[in-house]
Amino acid sequence: MDTETKISDLKEIVKKFCQDRGWDPYHNPKDLSIGVITEASELLELFRFQTTEGCEDMMNNPSTREAIADEISDVLYFLLRIAQKYDFDLSSEFQRKMEKNNQKYPRLYQV
């Protein structure tokens, strides 16, 4: 559950998974980035040629929802692997980037 799992726990799962398979020599920044884009493209492929309504329907269909979840998980795996292997604190970096985005994209409405 997202509310119970820490990012550091996920990074540890990825680390052990890769160590158990001897993948460290093959996981450099370029190849891991290729993995991110490849998996993101597979996610996009699921929605290709779909209307907005068709995409929404896919989210409510158990079989397509599982395929979407698989691709989202594959993208997350590669992001976690980069962060784990190259010591990025994802929470801090995400917050830092959102602060930059807040400056770049000001609010349209005041609450």
N, C-alpha and C. Protein backbone atom coordinates (compact mmCIF):
# COMPACT_ATOMS: atom_id res chain seq x y z
N MET A 1 0.84 -1.19 0.00
CA MET A 1 0.00 0.00 0.00
C MET A 1 0.88 1.25 0.00
N ASP A 2 0.52 2.21 -0.82
CA ASP A 2 1.29 3.44 -0.91
C ASP A 2 1.40 4.15 0.44
N THR A 3 0.35 4.08 1.24
CA THR A 3 0.37 4.79 2.51
C THR A 3 1.27 4.11 3.54
N GLU A 4 1.69 2.89 3.28
CA GLU A 4 2.49 2.13 4.24
C GLU A 4 3.91 1.85 3.79
N THR A 5 4.19 2.00 2.50
CA THR A 5 5.49 1.63 1.94
C THR A 5 6.37 2.86 1.77
N LYS A 6 7.60 2.75 2.22
CA LYS A 6 8.56 3.83 2.05
C LYS A 6 9.32 3.63 0.73
N ILE A 7 9.71 4.73 0.12
CA ILE A 7 10.49 4.65 -1.11
C ILE A 7 11.78 3.88 -0.85
N SER A 8 12.38 4.06 0.30
CA SER A 8 13.63 3.34 0.61
C SER A 8 13.40 1.83 0.61
N ASP A 9 12.23 1.39 1.01
CA ASP A 9 11.92 -0.05 0.97
C ASP A 9 11.85 -0.54 -0.48
N LEU A 10 11.23 0.24 -1.34
CA LEU A 10 11.16 -0.13 -2.75
C LEU A 10 12.54 -0.16 -3.39
N LYS A 11 13.36 0.82 -3.04
CA LYS A 11 14.73 0.84 -3.57
C LYS A 11 15.51 -0.38 -3.12
N GLU A 12 15.29 -0.82 -1.90
CA GLU A 12 15.97 -2.01 -1.39
C GLU A 12 15.50 -3.27 -2.12
N ILE A 13 14.22 -3.36 -2.42
CA ILE A 13 13.69 -4.49 -3.19
C ILE A 13 14.36 -4.54 -4.57
N VAL A 14 14.45 -3.40 -5.22
CA VAL A 14 15.08 -3.32 -6.54
C VAL A 14 16.56 -3.70 -6.45
N LYS A 15 17.24 -3.20 -5.45
CA LYS A 15 18.66 -3.51 -5.27
C LYS A 15 18.88 -5.01 -5.13
N LYS A 16 18.11 -5.64 -4.26
CA LYS A 16 18.27 -7.08 -4.05
C LYS A 16 17.92 -7.86 -5.31
N PHE A 17 16.86 -7.48 -5.98
CA PHE A 17 16.45 -8.14 -7.22
C PHE A 17 17.60 -8.12 -8.23
N CYS A 18 18.23 -6.97 -8.39
CA CYS A 18 19.32 -6.82 -9.36
C CYS A 18 20.58 -7.56 -8.90
N GLN A 19 20.89 -7.50 -7.62
CA GLN A 19 22.05 -8.22 -7.10
C GLN A 19 21.90 -9.72 -7.30
N ASP A 20 20.71 -10.23 -7.04
CA ASP A 20 20.46 -11.67 -7.18
C ASP A 20 20.63 -12.15 -8.61
N ARG A 21 20.57 -11.24 -9.56
CA ARG A 21 20.68 -11.60 -10.96
C ARG A 21 22.00 -11.15 -11.59
N GLY A 22 22.84 -10.48 -10.81
CA GLY A 22 24.13 -10.03 -11.32
C GLY A 22 24.02 -8.95 -12.39
N TRP A 23 23.04 -8.09 -12.25
CA TRP A 23 22.79 -7.09 -13.28
C TRP A 23 23.56 -5.78 -13.10
N ASP A 24 24.26 -5.61 -11.99
CA ASP A 24 24.96 -4.34 -11.75
C ASP A 24 25.85 -3.89 -12.91
N PRO A 25 26.64 -4.77 -13.51
CA PRO A 25 27.51 -4.31 -14.61
C PRO A 25 26.75 -3.74 -15.81
N TYR A 26 25.50 -4.09 -15.95
CA TYR A 26 24.71 -3.67 -17.11
C TYR A 26 23.85 -2.45 -16.82
N HIS A 27 23.84 -2.02 -15.59
CA HIS A 27 22.98 -0.91 -15.21
C HIS A 27 23.78 0.37 -15.03
N ASN A 28 23.98 1.05 -16.13
CA ASN A 28 24.64 2.36 -16.13
C ASN A 28 23.56 3.41 -16.42
N PRO A 29 23.86 4.67 -16.21
CA PRO A 29 22.83 5.70 -16.40
C PRO A 29 22.17 5.68 -17.77
N LYS A 30 22.96 5.48 -18.81
CA LYS A 30 22.39 5.48 -20.17
C LYS A 30 21.41 4.31 -20.35
N ASP A 31 21.83 3.12 -20.00
CA ASP A 31 20.98 1.95 -20.24
C ASP A 31 19.75 1.95 -19.33
N LEU A 32 19.88 2.44 -18.12
CA LEU A 32 18.70 2.56 -17.25
C LEU A 32 17.74 3.61 -17.79
N SER A 33 18.27 4.68 -18.34
CA SER A 33 17.41 5.70 -18.96
C SER A 33 16.70 5.15 -20.19
N ILE A 34 17.40 4.32 -20.95
CA ILE A 34 16.76 3.65 -22.09
C ILE A 34 15.62 2.78 -21.58
N GLY A 35 15.83 2.11 -20.45
CA GLY A 35 14.78 1.29 -19.86
C GLY A 35 13.56 2.12 -19.49
N VAL A 36 13.78 3.29 -18.91
CA VAL A 36 12.66 4.17 -18.56
C VAL A 36 11.85 4.50 -19.80
N ILE A 37 12.52 4.93 -20.84
CA ILE A 37 11.81 5.38 -22.04
C ILE A 37 11.16 4.21 -22.76
N THR A 38 11.80 3.06 -22.76
CA THR A 38 11.21 1.87 -23.39
C THR A 38 9.92 1.48 -22.69
N GLU A 39 9.97 1.43 -21.37
CA GLU A 39 8.77 1.04 -20.61
C GLU A 39 7.69 2.11 -20.69
N ALA A 40 8.08 3.38 -20.71
CA ALA A 40 7.10 4.46 -20.87
C ALA A 40 6.44 4.36 -22.24
N SER A 41 7.20 3.98 -23.24
CA SER A 41 6.64 3.80 -24.58
C SER A 41 5.66 2.63 -24.61
N GLU A 42 5.95 1.58 -23.87
CA GLU A 42 5.02 0.45 -23.79
C GLU A 42 3.73 0.86 -23.09
N LEU A 43 3.84 1.74 -22.11
CA LEU A 43 2.65 2.29 -21.46
C LEU A 43 1.83 3.10 -22.47
N LEU A 44 2.51 3.96 -23.20
CA LEU A 44 1.84 4.78 -24.21
C LEU A 44 1.17 3.92 -25.28
N GLU A 45 1.83 2.85 -25.65
CA GLU A 45 1.28 1.97 -26.69
C GLU A 45 -0.10 1.42 -26.32
N LEU A 46 -0.32 1.19 -25.04
CA LEU A 46 -1.62 0.69 -24.60
C LEU A 46 -2.75 1.67 -24.94
N PHE A 47 -2.43 2.95 -24.96
CA PHE A 47 -3.45 3.99 -25.18
C PHE A 47 -3.49 4.49 -26.62
N ARG A 48 -2.56 4.02 -27.43
CA ARG A 48 -2.45 4.51 -28.81
C ARG A 48 -3.77 4.28 -29.55
N PHE A 49 -4.17 5.28 -30.27
CA PHE A 49 -5.38 5.27 -31.10
C PHE A 49 -6.67 5.21 -30.28
N GLN A 50 -6.60 5.43 -29.00
CA GLN A 50 -7.79 5.44 -28.16
C GLN A 50 -8.31 6.88 -28.01
N THR A 51 -9.59 7.01 -27.93
CA THR A 51 -10.18 8.30 -27.61
C THR A 51 -10.01 8.54 -26.10
N THR A 52 -10.31 9.75 -25.68
CA THR A 52 -10.28 10.04 -24.25
C THR A 52 -11.22 9.10 -23.50
N GLU A 53 -12.39 8.90 -24.07
CA GLU A 53 -13.36 8.01 -23.43
C GLU A 53 -12.85 6.57 -23.41
N GLY A 54 -12.22 6.15 -24.50
CA GLY A 54 -11.66 4.81 -24.56
C GLY A 54 -10.58 4.59 -23.51
N CYS A 55 -9.75 5.61 -23.30
CA CYS A 55 -8.71 5.53 -22.26
C CYS A 55 -9.34 5.40 -20.88
N GLU A 56 -10.38 6.18 -20.65
CA GLU A 56 -11.07 6.09 -19.36
C GLU A 56 -11.69 4.71 -19.17
N ASP A 57 -12.26 4.17 -20.24
CA ASP A 57 -12.83 2.82 -20.17
C ASP A 57 -11.76 1.78 -19.83
N MET A 58 -10.57 1.96 -20.40
CA MET A 58 -9.47 1.03 -20.13
C MET A 58 -9.12 1.02 -18.64
N MET A 59 -9.23 2.16 -18.01
CA MET A 59 -8.90 2.25 -16.58
C MET A 59 -9.91 1.49 -15.72
N ASN A 60 -11.09 1.27 -16.26
CA ASN A 60 -12.13 0.58 -15.50
C ASN A 60 -12.27 -0.89 -15.89
N ASN A 61 -11.49 -1.35 -16.84
CA ASN A 61 -11.54 -2.74 -17.29
C ASN A 61 -10.42 -3.51 -16.58
N PRO A 62 -10.73 -4.56 -15.84
CA PRO A 62 -9.70 -5.27 -15.06
C PRO A 62 -8.50 -5.76 -15.88
N SER A 63 -8.72 -6.26 -17.08
CA SER A 63 -7.58 -6.79 -17.84
C SER A 63 -6.69 -5.68 -18.38
N THR A 64 -7.29 -4.61 -18.91
CA THR A 64 -6.44 -3.52 -19.39
C THR A 64 -5.83 -2.75 -18.22
N ARG A 65 -6.55 -2.67 -17.13
CA ARG A 65 -5.99 -2.00 -15.94
C ARG A 65 -4.74 -2.74 -15.45
N GLU A 66 -4.77 -4.07 -15.48
CA GLU A 66 -3.59 -4.84 -15.07
C GLU A 66 -2.41 -4.59 -16.01
N ALA A 67 -2.68 -4.53 -17.31
CA ALA A 67 -1.62 -4.25 -18.28
C ALA A 67 -1.03 -2.86 -18.04
N ILE A 68 -1.88 -1.89 -17.74
CA ILE A 68 -1.42 -0.53 -17.43
C ILE A 68 -0.58 -0.54 -16.17
N ALA A 69 -1.05 -1.23 -15.15
CA ALA A 69 -0.30 -1.32 -13.88
C ALA A 69 1.06 -1.97 -14.10
N ASP A 70 1.12 -2.98 -14.95
CA ASP A 70 2.40 -3.63 -15.25
C ASP A 70 3.39 -2.64 -15.85
N GLU A 71 2.93 -1.85 -16.80
CA GLU A 71 3.83 -0.89 -17.46
C GLU A 71 4.23 0.25 -16.51
N ILE A 72 3.29 0.72 -15.71
CA ILE A 72 3.62 1.74 -14.71
C ILE A 72 4.68 1.19 -13.75
N SER A 73 4.52 -0.06 -13.36
CA SER A 73 5.48 -0.68 -12.45
C SER A 73 6.84 -0.83 -13.09
N ASP A 74 6.87 -1.15 -14.38
CA ASP A 74 8.15 -1.25 -15.08
C ASP A 74 8.87 0.10 -15.14
N VAL A 75 8.12 1.17 -15.40
CA VAL A 75 8.71 2.51 -15.40
C VAL A 75 9.25 2.83 -14.01
N LEU A 76 8.46 2.55 -13.00
CA LEU A 76 8.88 2.81 -11.62
C LEU A 76 10.12 2.03 -11.26
N TYR A 77 10.19 0.78 -11.69
CA TYR A 77 11.37 -0.05 -11.43
C TYR A 77 12.63 0.66 -11.92
N PHE A 78 12.62 1.12 -13.15
CA PHE A 78 13.82 1.76 -13.70
C PHE A 78 14.14 3.08 -12.98
N LEU A 79 13.13 3.84 -12.62
CA LEU A 79 13.37 5.08 -11.87
C LEU A 79 13.95 4.78 -10.49
N LEU A 80 13.39 3.77 -9.84
CA LEU A 80 13.92 3.37 -8.53
C LEU A 80 15.35 2.85 -8.66
N ARG A 81 15.63 2.11 -9.71
CA ARG A 81 16.98 1.56 -9.90
C ARG A 81 18.01 2.67 -10.09
N ILE A 82 17.67 3.66 -10.90
CA ILE A 82 18.59 4.79 -11.07
C ILE A 82 18.81 5.48 -9.73
N ALA A 83 17.73 5.75 -9.02
CA ALA A 83 17.84 6.43 -7.73
C ALA A 83 18.62 5.60 -6.73
N GLN A 84 18.37 4.30 -6.71
CA GLN A 84 19.06 3.42 -5.76
C GLN A 84 20.55 3.32 -6.10
N LYS A 85 20.85 3.08 -7.34
CA LYS A 85 22.25 2.83 -7.73
C LYS A 85 23.10 4.10 -7.65
N TYR A 86 22.48 5.25 -7.93
CA TYR A 86 23.25 6.49 -7.98
C TYR A 86 22.89 7.46 -6.85
N ASP A 87 22.28 6.93 -5.82
CA ASP A 87 22.05 7.64 -4.56
C ASP A 87 21.31 8.97 -4.73
N PHE A 88 20.14 8.90 -5.36
CA PHE A 88 19.24 10.04 -5.40
C PHE A 88 18.17 9.83 -4.33
N ASP A 89 17.93 10.84 -3.54
CA ASP A 89 16.83 10.82 -2.58
C ASP A 89 15.59 11.32 -3.32
N LEU A 90 14.75 10.39 -3.75
CA LEU A 90 13.62 10.75 -4.61
C LEU A 90 12.67 11.73 -3.95
N SER A 91 12.40 11.57 -2.69
CA SER A 91 11.47 12.49 -2.01
C SER A 91 12.01 13.91 -2.02
N SER A 92 13.26 14.08 -1.66
CA SER A 92 13.87 15.42 -1.64
C SER A 92 13.95 16.02 -3.04
N GLU A 93 14.36 15.20 -3.99
CA GLU A 93 14.49 15.70 -5.37
C GLU A 93 13.14 16.06 -5.96
N PHE A 94 12.12 15.27 -5.66
CA PHE A 94 10.78 15.56 -6.15
C PHE A 94 10.26 16.87 -5.55
N GLN A 95 10.44 17.04 -4.26
CA GLN A 95 9.99 18.28 -3.61
C GLN A 95 10.73 19.49 -4.18
N ARG A 96 12.03 19.34 -4.38
CA ARG A 96 12.83 20.43 -4.95
C ARG A 96 12.32 20.79 -6.34
N LYS A 97 12.05 19.78 -7.15
CA LYS A 97 11.57 20.02 -8.51
C LYS A 97 10.17 20.63 -8.51
N MET A 98 9.32 20.21 -7.60
CA MET A 98 7.98 20.80 -7.53
C MET A 98 8.04 22.26 -7.13
N GLU A 99 9.00 22.64 -6.30
CA GLU A 99 9.18 24.05 -5.96
C GLU A 99 9.58 24.84 -7.19
N LYS A 100 10.46 24.27 -8.02
CA LYS A 100 10.84 24.93 -9.27
C LYS A 100 9.63 25.05 -10.20
N ASN A 101 8.84 23.97 -10.28
CA ASN A 101 7.65 23.98 -11.13
C ASN A 101 6.64 25.02 -10.64
N ASN A 102 6.54 25.18 -9.34
CA ASN A 102 5.61 26.16 -8.77
C ASN A 102 5.98 27.57 -9.22
N GLN A 103 7.26 27.84 -9.33
CA GLN A 103 7.71 29.14 -9.81
C GLN A 103 7.50 29.28 -11.32
N LYS A 104 7.75 28.21 -12.04
CA LYS A 104 7.66 28.22 -13.50
C LYS A 104 6.21 28.29 -13.98
N TYR A 105 5.32 27.61 -13.26
CA TYR A 105 3.91 27.53 -13.64
C TYR A 105 3.06 28.09 -12.51
N PRO A 106 2.85 29.40 -12.49
CA PRO A 106 2.08 29.99 -11.38
C PRO A 106 0.62 29.53 -11.38
N ARG A 107 0.01 29.64 -10.22
CA ARG A 107 -1.39 29.24 -10.06
C ARG A 107 -2.30 30.08 -10.94
N LEU A 108 -3.32 29.43 -11.45
CA LEU A 108 -4.34 30.17 -12.20
C LEU A 108 -5.37 30.77 -11.27
N TYR A 109 -5.65 30.05 -10.17
CA TYR A 109 -6.70 30.47 -9.26
C TYR A 109 -6.15 30.55 -7.85
N GLN A 110 -6.61 31.54 -7.12
CA GLN A 110 -6.24 31.66 -5.72
C GLN A 110 -7.29 30.94 -4.88
N VAL A 111 -6.82 30.17 -3.95
CA VAL A 111 -7.74 29.42 -3.09
C VAL A 111 -8.04 30.22 -1.85
